[in-house]
Amino acid sequence: MRWGCRVIDPLEAGGTRDLHDLLALGEAQATLTGWNLSAAVEAHVPRLSRDAQTAWQRLQTLLRA
């Protein structure tokens, strides 16, 4: 599965491990800079491919866990 996002496609995306990798990267960035992954992505979701939107929904489930 392709995410439809040039930044994360190279991760061979689609698996749960990839989602956890993205979550860990977001958490590290938040710790270092206070960056908020959800806030950064939300404005772009309408422009993402359907696959990327689905992947974002899956990632949000992990963010809430």
PDB file of N, CA and C in Angstrom:
ATOM      1  N   MET A   1       0.848  -1.189   0.000  1.00  0.00           N
ATOM      2  CA  MET A   1       0.000   0.000   0.000  1.00  0.00           C
ATOM      3  C   MET A   1       0.882   1.237   0.000  1.00  0.00           C
ATOM      4  N   ARG A   2       0.555   2.193  -0.818  1.00  0.00           N
ATOM      5  CA  ARG A   2       1.235   3.481  -0.842  1.00  0.00           C
ATOM      6  C   ARG A   2       0.390   4.456  -0.049  1.00  0.00           C
ATOM      7  N   TRP A   3       1.037   5.363   0.670  1.00  0.00           N
ATOM      8  CA  TRP A   3       0.339   6.320   1.509  1.00  0.00           C
ATOM      9  C   TRP A   3      -0.135   7.522   0.716  1.00  0.00           C
ATOM     10  N   GLY A   4       0.468   7.789  -0.440  1.00  0.00           N
ATOM     11  CA  GLY A   4       0.109   8.976  -1.199  1.00  0.00           C
ATOM     12  C   GLY A   4       0.768  10.220  -0.640  1.00  0.00           C
ATOM     13  N   CYS A   5       1.856  10.034   0.060  1.00  0.00           N
ATOM     14  CA  CYS A   5       2.570  11.149   0.672  1.00  0.00           C
ATOM     15  C   CYS A   5       4.056  10.912   0.449  1.00  0.00           C
ATOM     16  N   ARG A   6       4.728  11.814  -0.280  1.00  0.00           N
ATOM     17  CA  ARG A   6       6.129  11.611  -0.636  1.00  0.00           C
ATOM     18  C   ARG A   6       7.036  11.449   0.572  1.00  0.00           C
ATOM     19  N   VAL A   7       6.690  12.040   1.680  1.00  0.00           N
ATOM     20  CA  VAL A   7       7.558  11.990   2.845  1.00  0.00           C
ATOM     21  C   VAL A   7       7.575  10.608   3.480  1.00  0.00           C
ATOM     22  N   ILE A   8       6.444   9.938   3.517  1.00  0.00           N
ATOM     23  CA  ILE A   8       6.398   8.664   4.215  1.00  0.00           C
ATOM     24  C   ILE A   8       6.351   7.455   3.294  1.00  0.00           C
ATOM     25  N   ASP A   9       6.154   7.634   1.983  1.00  0.00           N
ATOM     26  CA  ASP A   9       6.169   6.488   1.083  1.00  0.00           C
ATOM     27  C   ASP A   9       7.466   5.682   1.184  1.00  0.00           C
ATOM     28  N   PRO A  10       8.638   6.316   1.350  1.00  0.00           N
ATOM     29  CA  PRO A  10       9.870   5.518   1.425  1.00  0.00           C
ATOM     30  C   PRO A  10       9.940   4.571   2.614  1.00  0.00           C
ATOM     31  N   LEU A  11       9.030   4.666   3.552  1.00  0.00           N
ATOM     32  CA  LEU A  11       9.033   3.777   4.709  1.00  0.00           C
ATOM     33  C   LEU A  11       8.441   2.408   4.389  1.00  0.00           C
ATOM     34  N   GLU A  12       8.146   2.147   3.116  1.00  0.00           N
ATOM     35  CA  GLU A  12       7.468   0.912   2.735  1.00  0.00           C
ATOM     36  C   GLU A  12       6.192   0.794   3.562  1.00  0.00           C
ATOM     37  N   ALA A  13       5.447   1.851   3.555  1.00  0.00           N
ATOM     38  CA  ALA A  13       4.320   2.050   4.459  1.00  0.00           C
ATOM     39  C   ALA A  13       3.200   1.056   4.252  1.00  0.00           C
ATOM     40  N   GLY A  14       2.424   0.943   5.291  1.00  0.00           N
ATOM     41  CA  GLY A  14       1.235   0.127   5.243  1.00  0.00           C
ATOM     42  C   GLY A  14       1.094  -0.784   6.439  1.00  0.00           C
ATOM     43  N   GLY A  15       2.202  -1.139   7.045  1.00  0.00           N
ATOM     44  CA  GLY A  15       2.141  -2.040   8.175  1.00  0.00           C
ATOM     45  C   GLY A  15       2.026  -1.302   9.496  1.00  0.00           C
ATOM     46  N   THR A  16       1.626  -2.042  10.498  1.00  0.00           N
ATOM     47  CA  THR A  16       1.489  -1.473  11.836  1.00  0.00           C
ATOM     48  C   THR A  16       2.831  -0.973  12.353  1.00  0.00           C
ATOM     49  N   ARG A  17       3.900  -1.676  12.038  1.00  0.00           N
ATOM     50  CA  ARG A  17       5.221  -1.246  12.499  1.00  0.00           C
ATOM     51  C   ARG A  17       5.570   0.122  11.938  1.00  0.00           C
ATOM     52  N   ASP A  18       5.207   0.380  10.698  1.00  0.00           N
ATOM     53  CA  ASP A  18       5.458   1.693  10.104  1.00  0.00           C
ATOM     54  C   ASP A  18       4.684   2.775  10.846  1.00  0.00           C
ATOM     55  N   LEU A  19       3.456   2.485  11.222  1.00  0.00           N
ATOM     56  CA  LEU A  19       2.671   3.459  11.980  1.00  0.00           C
ATOM     57  C   LEU A  19       3.329   3.750  13.322  1.00  0.00           C
ATOM     58  N   HIS A  20       3.844   2.711  13.954  1.00  0.00           N
ATOM     59  CA  HIS A  20       4.523   2.905  15.236  1.00  0.00           C
ATOM     60  C   HIS A  20       5.821   3.686  15.049  1.00  0.00           C
ATOM     61  N   ASP A  21       6.510   3.477  13.923  1.00  0.00           N
ATOM     62  CA  ASP A  21       7.712   4.262  13.617  1.00  0.00           C
ATOM     63  C   ASP A  21       7.351   5.739  13.484  1.00  0.00           C
ATOM     64  N   LEU A  22       6.275   6.028  12.769  1.00  0.00           N
ATOM     65  CA  LEU A  22       5.840   7.417  12.607  1.00  0.00           C
ATOM     66  C   LEU A  22       5.442   8.024  13.946  1.00  0.00           C
ATOM     67  N   LEU A  23       4.769   7.242  14.761  1.00  0.00           N
ATOM     68  CA  LEU A  23       4.373   7.703  16.083  1.00  0.00           C
ATOM     69  C   LEU A  23       5.606   8.042  16.923  1.00  0.00           C
ATOM     70  N   ALA A  24       6.608   7.173  16.891  1.00  0.00           N
ATOM     71  CA  ALA A  24       7.840   7.409  17.649  1.00  0.00           C
ATOM     72  C   ALA A  24       8.568   8.651  17.148  1.00  0.00           C
ATOM     73  N   LEU A  25       8.604   8.847  15.832  1.00  0.00           N
ATOM     74  CA  LEU A  25       9.230  10.051  15.278  1.00  0.00           C
ATOM     75  C   LEU A  25       8.492  11.308  15.735  1.00  0.00           C
ATOM     76  N   GLY A  26       7.168  11.252  15.710  1.00  0.00           N
ATOM     77  CA  GLY A  26       6.370  12.393  16.154  1.00  0.00           C
ATOM     78  C   GLY A  26       6.583  12.695  17.623  1.00  0.00           C
ATOM     79  N   GLU A  27       6.672  11.641  18.444  1.00  0.00           N
ATOM     80  CA  GLU A  27       6.892  11.831  19.881  1.00  0.00           C
ATOM     81  C   GLU A  27       8.274  12.416  20.152  1.00  0.00           C
ATOM     82  N   ALA A  28       9.278  11.941  19.417  1.00  0.00           N
ATOM     83  CA  ALA A  28      10.631  12.485  19.591  1.00  0.00           C
ATOM     84  C   ALA A  28      10.668  13.959  19.206  1.00  0.00           C
ATOM     85  N   GLN A  29      10.029  14.290  18.094  1.00  0.00           N
ATOM     86  CA  GLN A  29       9.996  15.689  17.657  1.00  0.00           C
ATOM     87  C   GLN A  29       9.250  16.559  18.669  1.00  0.00           C
ATOM     88  N   ALA A  30       8.176  16.044  19.227  1.00  0.00           N
ATOM     89  CA  ALA A  30       7.414  16.793  20.230  1.00  0.00           C
ATOM     90  C   ALA A  30       8.268  17.047  21.468  1.00  0.00           C
ATOM     91  N   THR A  31       9.033  16.041  21.868  1.00  0.00           N
ATOM     92  CA  THR A  31       9.908  16.195  23.038  1.00  0.00           C
ATOM     93  C   THR A  31      10.986  17.240  22.778  1.00  0.00           C
ATOM     94  N   LEU A  32      11.551  17.217  21.579  1.00  0.00           N
ATOM     95  CA  LEU A  32      12.644  18.133  21.251  1.00  0.00           C
ATOM     96  C   LEU A  32      12.179  19.565  21.016  1.00  0.00           C
ATOM     97  N   THR A  33      11.022  19.711  20.381  1.00  0.00           N
ATOM     98  CA  THR A  33      10.630  21.060  19.925  1.00  0.00           C
ATOM     99  C   THR A  33       9.229  21.484  20.331  1.00  0.00           C
ATOM    100  N   GLY A  34       8.435  20.562  20.902  1.00  0.00           N
ATOM    101  CA  GLY A  34       7.058  20.891  21.226  1.00  0.00           C
ATOM    102  C   GLY A  34       6.116  20.758  20.036  1.00  0.00           C
ATOM    103  N   TRP A  35       6.618  20.239  18.929  1.00  0.00           N
ATOM    104  CA  TRP A  35       5.841  20.061  17.699  1.00  0.00           C
ATOM    105  C   TRP A  35       4.672  19.128  17.944  1.00  0.00           C
ATOM    106  N   ASN A  36       3.516  19.442  17.374  1.00  0.00           N
ATOM    107  CA  ASN A  36       2.309  18.635  17.539  1.00  0.00           C
ATOM    108  C   ASN A  36       1.957  17.999  16.195  1.00  0.00           C
ATOM    109  N   LEU A  37       2.134  16.686  16.096  1.00  0.00           N
ATOM    110  CA  LEU A  37       1.891  15.968  14.852  1.00  0.00           C
ATOM    111  C   LEU A  37       0.467  16.157  14.355  1.00  0.00           C
ATOM    112  N   SER A  38      -0.504  15.977  15.230  1.00  0.00           N
ATOM    113  CA  SER A  38      -1.902  16.101  14.815  1.00  0.00           C
ATOM    114  C   SER A  38      -2.204  17.483  14.265  1.00  0.00           C
ATOM    115  N   ALA A  39      -1.772  18.510  14.960  1.00  0.00           N
ATOM    116  CA  ALA A  39      -2.012  19.878  14.503  1.00  0.00           C
ATOM    117  C   ALA A  39      -1.319  20.149  13.171  1.00  0.00           C
ATOM    118  N   ALA A  40      -0.144  19.586  12.998  1.00  0.00           N
ATOM    119  CA  ALA A  40       0.610  19.811  11.763  1.00  0.00           C
ATOM    120  C   ALA A  40      -0.047  19.145  10.556  1.00  0.00           C
ATOM    121  N   VAL A  41      -0.681  18.016  10.771  1.00  0.00           N
ATOM    122  CA  VAL A  41      -1.249  17.249   9.658  1.00  0.00           C
ATOM    123  C   VAL A  41      -2.677  17.659   9.324  1.00  0.00           C
ATOM    124  N   GLU A  42      -3.470  17.993  10.310  1.00  0.00           N
ATOM    125  CA  GLU A  42      -4.904  18.220  10.104  1.00  0.00           C
ATOM    126  C   GLU A  42      -5.231  19.154   8.938  1.00  0.00           C
ATOM    127  N   ALA A  43      -4.499  20.233   8.785  1.00  0.00           N
ATOM    128  CA  ALA A  43      -4.797  21.178   7.703  1.00  0.00           C
ATOM    129  C   ALA A  43      -4.552  20.574   6.321  1.00  0.00           C
ATOM    130  N   HIS A  44      -3.744  19.520   6.250  1.00  0.00           N
ATOM    131  CA  HIS A  44      -3.385  18.923   4.961  1.00  0.00           C
ATOM    132  C   HIS A  44      -4.232  17.709   4.600  1.00  0.00           C
ATOM    133  N   VAL A  45      -4.971  17.178   5.548  1.00  0.00           N
ATOM    134  CA  VAL A  45      -5.728  15.946   5.322  1.00  0.00           C
ATOM    135  C   VAL A  45      -6.650  16.030   4.101  1.00  0.00           C
ATOM    136  N   PRO A  46      -7.395  17.117   3.892  1.00  0.00           N
ATOM    137  CA  PRO A  46      -8.281  17.152   2.722  1.00  0.00           C
ATOM    138  C   PRO A  46      -7.552  17.020   1.381  1.00  0.00           C
ATOM    139  N   ARG A  47      -6.268  17.356   1.352  1.00  0.00           N
ATOM    140  CA  ARG A  47      -5.510  17.281   0.101  1.00  0.00           C
ATOM    141  C   ARG A  47      -4.792  15.947  -0.077  1.00  0.00           C
ATOM    142  N   LEU A  48      -4.812  15.103   0.935  1.00  0.00           N
ATOM    143  CA  LEU A  48      -4.144  13.808   0.859  1.00  0.00           C
ATOM    144  C   LEU A  48      -4.964  12.825   0.021  1.00  0.00           C
ATOM    145  N   SER A  49      -4.271  11.844  -0.536  1.00  0.00           N
ATOM    146  CA  SER A  49      -4.969  10.783  -1.266  1.00  0.00           C
ATOM    147  C   SER A  49      -5.856  10.018  -0.282  1.00  0.00           C
ATOM    148  N   ARG A  50      -6.790   9.264  -0.829  1.00  0.00           N
ATOM    149  CA  ARG A  50      -7.687   8.475   0.020  1.00  0.00           C
ATOM    150  C   ARG A  50      -6.877   7.495   0.879  1.00  0.00           C
ATOM    151  N   ASP A  51      -5.852   6.858   0.293  1.00  0.00           N
ATOM    152  CA  ASP A  51      -5.012   5.932   1.059  1.00  0.00           C
ATOM    153  C   ASP A  51      -4.295   6.652   2.194  1.00  0.00           C
ATOM    154  N   ALA A  52      -3.801   7.845   1.920  1.00  0.00           N
ATOM    155  CA  ALA A  52      -3.108   8.619   2.952  1.00  0.00           C
ATOM    156  C   ALA A  52      -4.076   9.034   4.057  1.00  0.00           C
ATOM    157  N   GLN A  53      -5.296   9.378   3.689  1.00  0.00           N
ATOM    158  CA  GLN A  53      -6.299   9.733   4.701  1.00  0.00           C
ATOM    159  C   GLN A  53      -6.617   8.532   5.589  1.00  0.00           C
ATOM    160  N   THR A  54      -6.727   7.362   4.981  1.00  0.00           N
ATOM    161  CA  THR A  54      -6.984   6.143   5.739  1.00  0.00           C
ATOM    162  C   THR A  54      -5.822   5.858   6.690  1.00  0.00           C
ATOM    163  N   ALA A  55      -4.610   6.006   6.196  1.00  0.00           N
ATOM    164  CA  ALA A  55      -3.433   5.792   7.032  1.00  0.00           C
ATOM    165  C   ALA A  55      -3.397   6.795   8.177  1.00  0.00           C
ATOM    166  N   TRP A  56      -3.770   8.040   7.909  1.00  0.00           N
ATOM    167  CA  TRP A  56      -3.796   9.051   8.959  1.00  0.00           C
ATOM    168  C   TRP A  56      -4.819   8.676  10.038  1.00  0.00           C
ATOM    169  N   GLN A  57      -5.958   8.168   9.625  1.00  0.00           N
ATOM    170  CA  GLN A  57      -6.964   7.742  10.600  1.00  0.00           C
ATOM    171  C   GLN A  57      -6.422   6.610  11.471  1.00  0.00           C
ATOM    172  N   ARG A  58      -5.694   5.678  10.862  1.00  0.00           N
ATOM    173  CA  ARG A  58      -5.091   4.581  11.628  1.00  0.00           C
ATOM    174  C   ARG A  58      -4.063   5.127  12.611  1.00  0.00           C
ATOM    175  N   LEU A  59      -3.264   6.089  12.176  1.00  0.00           N
ATOM    176  CA  LEU A  59      -2.250   6.670  13.044  1.00  0.00           C
ATOM    177  C   LEU A  59      -2.890   7.431  14.194  1.00  0.00           C
ATOM    178  N   GLN A  60      -3.981   8.131  13.928  1.00  0.00           N
ATOM    179  CA  GLN A  60      -4.674   8.853  14.993  1.00  0.00           C
ATOM    180  C   GLN A  60      -5.168   7.904  16.074  1.00  0.00           C
ATOM    181  N   THR A  61      -5.580   6.698  15.684  1.00  0.00           N
ATOM    182  CA  THR A  61      -5.998   5.693  16.662  1.00  0.00           C
ATOM    183  C   THR A  61      -4.849   5.382  17.614  1.00  0.00           C
ATOM    184  N   LEU A  62      -3.634   5.282  17.078  1.00  0.00           N
ATOM    185  CA  LEU A  62      -2.472   5.036  17.929  1.00  0.00           C
ATOM    186  C   LEU A  62      -2.136   6.245  18.788  1.00  0.00           C
ATOM    187  N   LEU A  63      -2.330   7.431  18.250  1.00  0.00           N
ATOM    188  CA  LEU A  63      -2.033   8.646  19.006  1.00  0.00           C
ATOM    189  C   LEU A  63      -2.932   8.760  20.232  1.00  0.00           C
ATOM    190  N   ARG A  64      -4.157   8.264  20.118  1.00  0.00           N
ATOM    191  CA  ARG A  64      -5.129   8.345  21.220  1.00  0.00           C
ATOM    192  C   ARG A  64      -4.941   7.234  22.256  1.00  0.00           C
ATOM    193  N   ALA A  65      -4.198   6.186  21.867  1.00  0.00           N
ATOM    194  CA  ALA A  65      -4.031   5.024  22.760  1.00  0.00           C
ATOM    195  C   ALA A  65      -3.160   5.340  23.956  1.00  0.00           C
TER     196      ALA A  65
END
